């Protein structure tokens, strides 16, 4: 059984989602050809998004690594990125059975009327498996690992229900969709509280500029495409340690590199020079422009499924009944405000990582995950660029500490998986470093569960149980009204 589910996960979202959507479409009465087409559009969207994300990481990483070396920004927690977190998550007994366990919990809650969300975003189940795996290695108990994973899953379903209407109202063509992804939902309470507090801050409470407003106010300078180019060029320039390198670049041969780089394990691979700097700017601009075009494929694939689901539920249960299809936040990361704010926060987060006292985590590989921070923030800031940026600034500052805090147990889990799977390079932690990842390890929800289980043990488990049961009962009453 463990091998079966490991094989399914190994297919990846691009293969899994077309299969799931085709089966779902046929089950709700859509013609096979139309259901298959919808599924394929979603699958192609995931392929396109992975290509664009890879382009972002490939383009930025060399320059960012140079900046780390030039300005001596080395910290003790190494950014492993989401692949390491996912590998730790799925290469345990908890991860191997996370799909059937969580689907079973989802079904029970649906039958009891405690949720409206059907979470078919199977690929992102690794988030639940991750906190379960960390707790499993921390407590040496599979039971506690499953407990943590299921608690995280149930809380996320409730949050998905609560935020569904707000999500659907803000994002176009998202009727019948909710986002049961714990990383995104974990930041929602911060958005609510901070946005409310900003209502009482003179000056800021009068500023209401969304992405369209930026274009009107700043013209070309307000376009995500142009901002991407400018930020890319600035990062490229900062990755050069001399005027000569900035203008002419460095020769690639080691014998022509500065002496301090010869034979160094941190040898720079961004040679600099005007052509390379401009190319980095264009690549960053391309990422900002292509992400919205790619995510439009998700919407095109979702429309027939969402409409058919709505019609079926109205026919069987009445127009007042609703079910939500739980989908990946990748559907909406192409929103212009998300792109602009994420882009601005990349260099700011690097500065925060260096100046915040006590932080040991420097995000590099995880920066592509910045887009997902704002999926459930924007509906509460109404797309306001300034407010979204302030929320992002706060949650990133806190998130850096969360990653640092969890790094010890994350490192132990990564070492354990590396011993079992020595060929898995994603979990190979560099000597002398701890392991960290912005993806989910920085989430307030995962940190809450982690802290309760690590420091309060049985009392923490009791607190989490009471909290979860209370949320489920409250959500059931809310749904029944």
Protein backbone atom coordinates (compact mmCIF):
# COMPACT_ATOMS: atom_id res chain seq x y z
CA UNK A 1 0.00 0.00 0.00
CA UNK A 2 2.84 2.37 0.90
CA UNK A 3 4.44 1.79 -2.51
CA UNK A 4 1.13 2.44 -4.27
CA UNK A 5 0.68 5.88 -2.72
CA UNK A 6 4.37 6.72 -3.16
CA UNK A 7 3.96 5.91 -6.84
CA UNK A 8 0.86 8.11 -7.11
CA UNK A 9 2.67 11.05 -5.49
CA UNK A 10 5.63 10.45 -7.77
CA UNK A 11 3.44 11.19 -10.79
CA UNK A 12 3.41 14.85 -9.80
CA UNK A 13 0.62 17.41 -9.99
CA UNK A 14 0.88 17.79 -13.78
CA UNK A 15 -0.11 14.11 -14.26
CA UNK A 16 -2.33 13.65 -11.21
CA UNK A 17 -4.64 16.61 -11.79
CA UNK A 18 -5.75 15.66 -15.35
CA UNK A 19 -6.59 12.17 -14.06
CA UNK A 20 -8.48 13.51 -11.05
CA UNK A 21 -10.35 16.12 -13.07
CA UNK A 22 -11.32 13.64 -15.77
CA UNK A 23 -12.71 11.18 -13.22
CA UNK A 24 -14.44 13.98 -11.29
CA UNK A 25 -15.92 15.45 -14.47
CA UNK A 26 -17.37 12.13 -15.63
CA UNK A 27 -18.79 11.47 -12.15
CA UNK A 28 -20.71 14.77 -12.15
CA UNK A 29 -22.13 14.22 -15.63
CA UNK A 30 -19.70 15.95 -17.98
CA UNK A 31 -18.89 14.22 -21.27
CA UNK A 32 -15.62 12.32 -21.14
CA UNK A 33 -14.01 14.43 -23.88
CA UNK A 34 -14.92 17.70 -22.15
CA UNK A 35 -13.78 16.41 -18.74
CA UNK A 36 -10.49 15.21 -20.24
CA UNK A 37 -9.93 18.56 -21.92
CA UNK A 38 -10.54 20.38 -18.63
CA UNK A 39 -8.10 18.10 -16.85
CA UNK A 40 -5.46 18.54 -19.52
CA UNK A 41 -5.72 22.32 -19.33
CA UNK A 42 -5.07 22.13 -15.59
CA UNK A 43 -2.19 19.71 -16.14
CA UNK A 44 -0.64 21.94 -18.80
CA UNK A 45 -1.04 24.86 -16.41
CA UNK A 46 1.02 23.02 -13.78
CA UNK A 47 3.69 22.21 -16.37
CA UNK A 48 3.86 25.83 -17.49
CA UNK A 49 3.98 27.10 -13.92
CA UNK A 50 6.80 24.71 -13.00
CA UNK A 51 8.78 25.88 -16.04
CA UNK A 52 8.30 29.56 -15.15
CA UNK A 53 9.18 28.92 -11.50
CA UNK A 54 12.30 27.03 -12.57
CA UNK A 55 13.24 29.98 -14.79
CA UNK A 56 12.88 32.33 -11.82
CA UNK A 57 15.09 30.17 -9.58
CA UNK A 58 17.65 29.50 -12.32
CA UNK A 59 17.91 33.19 -13.21
CA UNK A 60 18.06 34.54 -9.65
CA UNK A 61 20.13 31.92 -7.83
CA UNK A 62 23.57 32.74 -9.31
CA UNK A 63 23.21 36.47 -8.64
CA UNK A 64 21.82 35.93 -5.14
CA UNK A 65 24.63 33.52 -4.27
CA UNK A 66 27.13 36.15 -5.42
CA UNK A 67 25.45 38.73 -3.20
CA UNK A 68 25.74 36.30 -0.26
CA UNK A 69 29.49 35.94 -0.88
CA UNK A 70 30.24 39.60 -1.63
CA UNK A 71 28.41 41.01 1.38
CA UNK A 72 29.21 38.05 3.68
CA UNK A 73 25.56 37.19 4.31
CA UNK A 74 26.22 33.60 5.37
CA UNK A 75 23.78 32.30 8.00
CA UNK A 76 23.63 28.91 9.69
CA UNK A 77 20.34 27.55 8.33
CA UNK A 78 20.61 26.48 4.69
CA UNK A 79 17.60 27.02 2.42
CA UNK A 80 16.70 23.56 1.13
CA UNK A 81 13.59 24.73 -0.74
CA UNK A 82 10.24 22.96 -0.97
CA UNK A 83 11.63 19.77 -2.64
CA UNK A 84 13.44 18.90 0.60
CA UNK A 85 10.32 19.54 2.68
CA UNK A 86 8.21 17.41 0.33
CA UNK A 87 10.80 14.62 0.35
CA UNK A 88 10.89 14.59 4.16
CA UNK A 89 7.09 14.63 4.16
CA UNK A 90 6.51 11.68 1.84
CA UNK A 91 9.44 9.44 2.78
CA UNK A 92 7.87 8.43 6.09
CA UNK A 93 5.03 6.18 7.12
CA UNK A 94 2.96 9.30 7.80
CA UNK A 95 3.53 10.63 4.29
CA UNK A 96 2.90 7.28 2.62
CA UNK A 97 -0.64 7.07 4.03
CA UNK A 98 -1.49 10.75 4.25
CA UNK A 99 -3.75 10.69 1.18
CA UNK A 100 -6.17 7.91 2.25
CA UNK A 101 -6.21 9.08 5.87
CA UNK A 102 -7.00 12.70 5.01
CA UNK A 103 -9.51 11.77 2.29
CA UNK A 104 -11.26 9.61 4.87
CA UNK A 105 -11.35 12.51 7.34
CA UNK A 106 -12.67 14.80 4.58
CA UNK A 107 -15.46 12.33 3.74
CA UNK A 108 -16.52 11.97 7.38
CA UNK A 109 -16.65 15.74 7.86
CA UNK A 110 -18.68 16.13 4.66
CA UNK A 111 -21.19 13.50 5.77
CA UNK A 112 -21.51 15.16 9.18
CA UNK A 113 -22.05 18.57 7.60
CA UNK A 114 -18.89 19.98 9.20
CA UNK A 115 -17.28 21.17 5.96
CA UNK A 116 -18.23 22.13 2.44
CA UNK A 117 -14.79 21.62 0.91
CA UNK A 118 -13.82 18.55 -1.09
CA UNK A 119 -10.02 18.77 -1.11
CA UNK A 120 -8.81 17.30 -4.41
CA UNK A 121 -5.48 19.13 -4.31
CA UNK A 122 -3.72 15.83 -3.61
CA UNK A 123 -0.25 17.02 -4.54
CA UNK A 124 -0.26 19.65 -1.78
CA UNK A 125 -1.11 17.02 0.81
CA UNK A 126 2.64 17.00 1.40
CA UNK A 127 2.07 20.08 3.60
CA UNK A 128 0.05 17.98 6.03
CA UNK A 129 2.54 15.14 5.76
CA UNK A 130 5.43 17.53 6.46
CA UNK A 131 4.25 18.67 9.89
CA UNK A 132 3.29 15.05 10.61
CA UNK A 133 6.77 13.86 9.62
CA UNK A 134 8.55 16.50 11.71
CA UNK A 135 6.43 15.62 14.77
CA UNK A 136 7.02 11.91 14.06
CA UNK A 137 10.81 12.32 14.09
CA UNK A 138 10.60 14.67 17.06
CA UNK A 139 8.50 12.32 19.23
CA UNK A 140 9.55 9.01 17.65
CA UNK A 141 5.83 8.19 17.47
CA UNK A 142 3.90 7.48 14.27
CA UNK A 143 0.64 8.05 16.14
CA UNK A 144 1.62 11.58 17.14
CA UNK A 145 2.78 12.21 13.57
CA UNK A 146 -0.63 11.26 12.19
CA UNK A 147 -2.29 13.29 14.93
CA UNK A 148 -0.41 16.45 13.92
CA UNK A 149 -1.13 15.89 10.22
CA UNK A 150 -4.87 15.32 10.75
CA UNK A 151 -5.17 18.33 13.09
CA UNK A 152 -3.54 20.48 10.43
CA UNK A 153 -5.85 19.04 7.77
CA UNK A 154 -9.07 19.66 9.70
CA UNK A 155 -8.15 23.22 10.67
CA UNK A 156 -7.27 23.94 7.05
CA UNK A 157 -10.64 22.62 5.83
CA UNK A 158 -12.45 24.92 8.26
CA UNK A 159 -10.37 27.91 7.15
CA UNK A 160 -11.04 27.02 3.51
CA UNK A 161 -14.79 27.07 4.21
CA UNK A 162 -14.61 30.34 6.13
CA UNK A 163 -12.60 32.14 3.43
CA UNK A 164 -14.32 30.64 0.37
CA UNK A 165 -16.84 33.44 -0.22
CA UNK A 166 -14.23 36.14 0.24
CA UNK A 167 -11.88 34.28 -2.09
CA UNK A 168 -14.56 33.78 -4.76
CA UNK A 169 -15.66 37.41 -4.58
CA UNK A 170 -12.17 38.82 -5.01
CA UNK A 171 -10.79 36.53 -7.70
CA UNK A 172 -12.75 36.34 -10.99
CA UNK A 173 -14.05 33.00 -12.31
CA UNK A 174 -13.46 31.18 -9.01
CA UNK A 175 -17.08 30.31 -8.16
CA UNK A 176 -17.31 27.04 -6.25
CA UNK A 177 -13.57 26.98 -5.44
CA UNK A 178 -11.83 27.11 -2.05
CA UNK A 179 -8.16 26.93 -1.07
CA UNK A 180 -7.47 24.16 1.49
CA UNK A 181 -3.72 24.71 1.51
CA UNK A 182 -2.34 25.33 5.01
CA UNK A 183 0.59 27.52 3.97
CA UNK A 184 -1.76 30.08 2.40
CA UNK A 185 -4.48 29.83 5.04
CA UNK A 186 -1.95 30.25 7.85
CA UNK A 187 -1.35 33.88 6.84
CA UNK A 188 -5.03 34.80 6.56
CA UNK A 189 -5.50 35.76 10.25
CA UNK A 190 -2.51 38.10 9.97
CA UNK A 191 -4.10 39.76 6.93
CA UNK A 192 -7.36 40.28 8.80
CA UNK A 193 -5.75 41.75 11.94
CA UNK A 194 -3.10 43.90 10.24
CA UNK A 195 -5.55 45.21 7.65
CA UNK A 196 -7.93 46.23 10.44
CA UNK A 197 -5.14 47.95 12.36
CA UNK A 198 -4.10 49.89 9.26
CA UNK A 199 -7.59 51.38 9.13
CA UNK A 200 -6.56 53.46 12.17
CA UNK A 201 -3.15 54.60 10.86
CA UNK A 202 -3.37 58.18 9.53
CA UNK A 203 -2.18 58.49 5.95
CA UNK A 204 -2.02 54.79 5.23
CA UNK A 205 -5.78 54.43 5.74
CA UNK A 206 -6.29 56.92 2.89
CA UNK A 207 -4.06 55.12 0.40
CA UNK A 208 -5.96 52.70 -1.79
CA UNK A 209 -3.83 51.73 -4.76
CA UNK A 210 -4.38 48.35 -6.36
CA UNK A 211 -2.55 46.97 -9.39
CA UNK A 212 -4.77 48.92 -11.80
CA UNK A 213 -4.25 52.06 -9.76
CA UNK A 214 -0.48 51.59 -9.96
CA UNK A 215 -0.68 51.41 -13.73
CA UNK A 216 -2.72 54.61 -13.87
CA UNK A 217 -0.53 56.46 -11.37
CA UNK A 218 2.91 55.29 -12.48
CA UNK A 219 2.24 54.25 -16.07
CA UNK A 220 4.88 51.87 -17.40
CA UNK A 221 6.63 51.87 -14.01
CA UNK A 222 3.55 50.33 -12.41
CA UNK A 223 3.49 47.32 -14.74
CA UNK A 224 4.65 43.99 -13.22
CA UNK A 225 6.61 43.38 -16.42
CA UNK A 226 8.60 46.59 -16.07
CA UNK A 227 9.06 46.18 -12.30
CA UNK A 228 10.41 42.69 -12.91
CA UNK A 229 12.98 44.04 -15.34
CA UNK A 230 14.07 46.83 -12.98
CA UNK A 231 14.38 44.56 -9.91
CA UNK A 232 16.28 41.98 -11.98
CA UNK A 233 18.73 44.62 -13.19
CA UNK A 234 19.24 45.97 -9.65
CA UNK A 235 19.93 42.46 -8.28
CA UNK A 236 22.36 41.84 -11.16
CA UNK A 237 24.20 45.06 -10.39
CA UNK A 238 24.40 44.25 -6.67
CA UNK A 239 25.95 40.88 -7.58
CA UNK A 240 28.98 42.68 -9.04
CA UNK A 241 31.74 43.75 -6.63
CA UNK A 242 33.47 46.22 -8.96
CA UNK A 243 32.67 48.69 -11.70
CA UNK A 244 34.78 46.69 -14.14
CA UNK A 245 32.80 43.52 -13.45
CA UNK A 246 29.51 45.41 -13.75
CA UNK A 247 30.45 46.77 -17.20
CA UNK A 248 32.66 44.07 -18.69
CA UNK A 249 31.96 40.98 -16.58
CA UNK A 250 34.47 38.38 -15.45
CA UNK A 251 36.12 35.75 -17.59
CA UNK A 252 34.79 32.29 -16.82
CA UNK A 253 38.20 30.65 -16.63
CA UNK A 254 39.34 30.18 -13.04
CA UNK A 255 42.81 31.55 -13.74
CA UNK A 256 41.30 34.92 -14.63
CA UNK A 257 39.04 35.17 -11.60
CA UNK A 258 40.09 37.21 -8.57
CA UNK A 259 42.42 35.29 -6.27
CA UNK A 260 39.91 35.04 -3.43
CA UNK A 261 37.61 33.03 -5.69
CA UNK A 262 40.08 30.47 -6.98
CA UNK A 263 39.24 27.06 -5.65
CA UNK A 264 36.50 28.45 -3.42
CA UNK A 265 33.47 26.21 -2.86
CA UNK A 266 31.39 29.40 -3.12
CA UNK A 267 32.86 30.34 -6.51
CA UNK A 268 30.55 32.77 -8.22
CA UNK A 269 28.72 31.72 -11.31
CA UNK A 270 27.15 35.07 -12.20
CA UNK A 271 29.97 36.68 -14.17
CA UNK A 272 28.26 40.05 -14.44
CA UNK A 273 28.65 42.46 -17.32
CA UNK A 274 25.97 44.59 -18.97
CA UNK A 275 24.63 41.78 -21.23
CA UNK A 276 24.22 39.36 -18.30
CA UNK A 277 22.62 42.01 -16.10
CA UNK A 278 20.16 43.01 -18.80
CA UNK A 279 19.39 39.34 -19.49
CA UNK A 280 18.58 38.82 -15.80
CA UNK A 281 16.23 41.79 -15.94
CA UNK A 282 14.45 40.44 -19.02
CA UNK A 283 14.07 36.99 -17.44
CA UNK A 284 12.55 38.50 -14.31
CA UNK A 285 10.19 40.54 -16.46
CA UNK A 286 9.28 37.42 -18.42
CA UNK A 287 8.36 35.61 -15.21
CA UNK A 288 6.08 38.49 -14.16
CA UNK A 289 4.39 38.56 -17.57
CA UNK A 290 4.07 34.82 -18.17
CA UNK A 291 2.68 33.71 -14.80
CA UNK A 292 -0.74 35.37 -15.37
CA UNK A 293 -0.94 33.87 -18.85
CA UNK A 294 -0.12 30.40 -17.51
CA UNK A 295 -2.61 30.62 -14.65
CA UNK A 296 -5.38 31.49 -17.11
CA UNK A 297 -5.14 27.85 -18.25
CA UNK A 298 -6.20 26.74 -14.77
CA UNK A 299 -9.30 28.90 -14.97
CA UNK A 300 -10.17 27.60 -18.43
CA UNK A 301 -9.88 24.03 -17.18
CA UNK A 302 -11.81 24.69 -13.96
CA UNK A 303 -14.83 26.44 -15.45
CA UNK A 304 -16.69 23.37 -16.82
CA UNK A 305 -16.06 21.39 -13.61
CA UNK A 306 -17.16 24.22 -11.32
CA UNK A 307 -20.30 24.96 -13.34
CA UNK A 308 -21.32 21.30 -13.57
CA UNK A 309 -20.74 20.79 -9.84
CA UNK A 310 -22.89 23.80 -9.01
CA UNK A 311 -25.72 22.58 -11.26
CA UNK A 312 -25.58 19.05 -9.84
CA UNK A 313 -25.70 20.21 -6.23
CA UNK A 314 -28.56 22.61 -6.96
CA UNK A 315 -30.49 19.81 -8.66
CA UNK A 316 -29.91 17.19 -5.97
CA UNK A 317 -29.88 19.26 -2.79
CA UNK A 318 -31.42 22.61 -3.69
CA UNK A 319 -29.95 25.95 -4.66
CA UNK A 320 -29.15 26.84 -1.04
CA UNK A 321 -26.66 23.98 -0.66
CA UNK A 322 -23.05 24.44 -1.66
CA UNK A 323 -19.91 22.35 -2.01
CA UNK A 324 -16.51 23.79 -2.74
CA UNK A 325 -13.82 22.13 -4.81
CA UNK A 326 -10.58 22.49 -2.87
CA UNK A 327 -7.87 23.46 -5.35
CA UNK A 328 -4.24 24.53 -5.48
CA UNK A 329 -3.44 28.22 -4.81
CA UNK A 330 -1.48 28.11 -8.08
CA UNK A 331 -4.78 29.07 -9.73
CA UNK A 332 -4.48 32.69 -8.66
CA UNK A 333 -0.80 33.52 -8.06
CA UNK A 334 -0.82 35.41 -11.36
CA UNK A 335 -2.80 38.29 -9.84
CA UNK A 336 -0.92 41.55 -10.59
CA UNK A 337 -0.83 42.65 -6.94
CA UNK A 338 0.67 39.30 -5.91
CA UNK A 339 3.34 39.64 -8.58
CA UNK A 340 4.23 43.23 -7.69
CA UNK A 341 4.33 42.71 -3.91
CA UNK A 342 6.22 39.40 -4.16
CA UNK A 343 8.79 40.97 -6.42
CA UNK A 344 9.33 43.90 -4.07
CA UNK A 345 9.59 41.61 -1.05
CA UNK A 346 12.34 39.39 -2.49
CA UNK A 347 15.20 41.88 -1.86
CA UNK A 348 13.51 43.18 1.32
CA UNK A 349 13.32 39.64 2.76
CA UNK A 350 17.04 39.15 2.11
CA UNK A 351 17.77 42.33 4.06
CA UNK A 352 15.44 41.24 6.87
CA UNK A 353 17.18 37.87 7.08
CA UNK A 354 20.52 39.60 7.69
CA UNK A 355 19.45 42.38 10.07
CA UNK A 356 16.91 40.57 12.27
CA UNK A 357 18.65 39.55 15.53
CA UNK A 358 18.56 35.83 16.20
CA UNK A 359 17.51 34.80 12.71
CA UNK A 360 19.74 32.16 11.11
CA UNK A 361 17.81 31.47 7.90
CA UNK A 362 18.71 33.09 4.56
CA UNK A 363 16.02 32.36 1.94
CA UNK A 364 17.33 31.69 -1.56
CA UNK A 365 15.84 28.55 -3.09
CA UNK A 366 12.50 29.24 -1.38
CA UNK A 367 12.00 32.73 -2.80
CA UNK A 368 9.88 31.35 -5.65
CA UNK A 369 7.34 30.41 -3.00
CA UNK A 370 6.83 34.09 -2.12
CA UNK A 371 3.87 34.28 -4.53
CA UNK A 372 1.87 31.83 -2.41
CA UNK A 373 2.04 34.01 0.70
CA UNK A 374 -0.50 36.45 -0.75
CA UNK A 375 -3.20 34.15 -2.14
CA UNK A 376 -5.40 34.52 0.97
CA UNK A 377 -4.05 37.96 1.92
CA UNK A 378 -5.35 39.87 -1.11
CA UNK A 379 -9.06 39.11 -0.53
CA UNK A 380 -8.77 40.85 2.86
CA UNK A 381 -6.65 43.80 1.72
CA UNK A 382 -8.84 44.03 -1.39
CA UNK A 383 -5.73 43.94 -3.55
CA UNK A 384 -4.30 47.10 -1.97
CA UNK A 385 -0.60 47.04 -2.88
CA UNK A 386 0.66 48.97 0.17
CA UNK A 387 -1.41 47.02 2.69
CA UNK A 388 -0.48 43.70 1.09
CA UNK A 389 3.19 44.68 1.21
CA UNK A 390 2.95 45.56 4.92
CA UNK A 391 1.23 42.25 5.69
CA UNK A 392 3.91 40.43 3.69
CA UNK A 393 6.67 42.30 5.50
CA UNK A 394 5.30 41.29 8.90
CA UNK A 395 4.65 37.63 8.06
CA UNK A 396 8.05 37.24 6.40
CA UNK A 397 9.85 38.70 9.41
CA UNK A 398 7.97 36.32 11.71
CA UNK A 399 8.34 33.44 9.23
CA UNK A 400 12.14 33.71 9.24
CA UNK A 401 12.12 33.10 12.98
CA UNK A 402 9.70 30.20 12.56
CA UNK A 403 12.05 28.52 10.07
CA UNK A 404 15.04 29.09 12.37
CA UNK A 405 13.06 27.69 15.29
CA UNK A 406 12.06 24.50 13.46
CA UNK A 407 15.43 23.95 11.77
CA UNK A 408 16.80 21.53 14.37
CA UNK A 409 14.04 18.96 13.95
CA UNK A 410 13.83 19.63 10.20
CA UNK A 411 17.56 18.86 9.96
CA UNK A 412 17.18 15.62 11.91
CA UNK A 413 14.33 14.53 9.66
CA UNK A 414 16.31 15.41 6.51
CA UNK A 415 19.35 13.42 7.76
CA UNK A 416 17.12 10.42 8.47
CA UNK A 417 15.58 10.49 4.99
CA UNK A 418 19.05 10.97 3.45
CA UNK A 419 20.23 7.76 5.14
CA UNK A 420 17.28 5.82 3.75
CA UNK A 421 17.52 7.40 0.28
CA UNK A 422 21.17 8.36 -0.26
CA UNK A 423 20.49 9.20 -3.93
CA UNK A 424 17.93 11.87 -3.03
CA UNK A 425 19.99 15.07 -3.41
CA UNK A 426 17.14 17.30 -2.22
CA UNK A 427 17.65 16.21 1.42
CA UNK A 428 21.45 16.40 1.48
CA UNK A 429 22.14 19.10 4.10
CA UNK A 430 25.53 20.84 3.62
CA UNK A 431 28.02 20.12 6.41
CA UNK A 432 27.92 22.66 9.21
CA UNK A 433 24.44 23.93 8.33
CA UNK A 434 20.93 23.33 9.56
CA UNK A 435 18.03 22.72 7.16
CA UNK A 436 15.21 25.14 6.49
CA UNK A 437 12.59 26.02 3.90
CA UNK A 438 10.29 29.00 3.60
CA UNK A 439 7.55 26.74 2.24
CA UNK A 440 5.30 25.72 5.14
CA UNK A 441 8.10 25.78 7.73
CA UNK A 442 7.40 29.54 7.95
CA UNK A 443 3.63 29.01 8.25
CA UNK A 444 2.02 30.11 11.55
CA UNK A 445 -0.27 27.06 11.43
CA UNK A 446 2.59 24.55 11.23
CA UNK A 447 4.51 26.43 13.91
CA UNK A 448 1.51 26.40 16.27
CA UNK A 449 1.18 22.61 15.94
CA UNK A 450 4.95 22.13 16.20
CA UNK A 451 5.24 24.29 19.32
CA UNK A 452 2.34 22.58 21.10
CA UNK A 453 3.73 19.12 20.42
CA UNK A 454 7.36 19.98 21.21
CA UNK A 455 7.02 22.03 24.37
CA UNK A 456 3.64 21.11 25.86
CA UNK A 457 3.44 17.44 24.77
CA UNK A 458 0.20 15.94 26.15
CA UNK A 459 -1.11 19.31 27.26
CA UNK A 460 -0.32 20.69 23.80
CA UNK A 461 -2.11 17.76 22.16
CA UNK A 462 -5.13 18.43 24.39
CA UNK A 463 -5.12 22.13 23.47
CA UNK A 464 -4.96 21.31 19.75
CA UNK A 465 -7.75 18.75 20.11
CA UNK A 466 -10.07 21.15 21.94
CA UNK A 467 -9.31 23.94 19.47
CA UNK A 468 -9.95 21.71 16.45
CA UNK A 469 -13.19 20.24 17.84
CA UNK A 470 -14.43 23.74 18.70
CA UNK A 471 -13.67 24.96 15.17
CA UNK A 472 -15.46 21.97 13.63
CA UNK A 473 -18.57 22.47 15.78
CA UNK A 474 -18.60 26.19 15.07
CA UNK A 475 -18.19 25.57 11.33
CA UNK A 476 -21.05 23.06 11.33
CA UNK A 477 -23.36 25.57 12.98
CA UNK A 478 -22.25 28.25 10.56
CA UNK A 479 -22.97 25.98 7.58
CA UNK A 480 -26.38 24.91 8.87
CA UNK A 481 -27.62 28.49 9.21
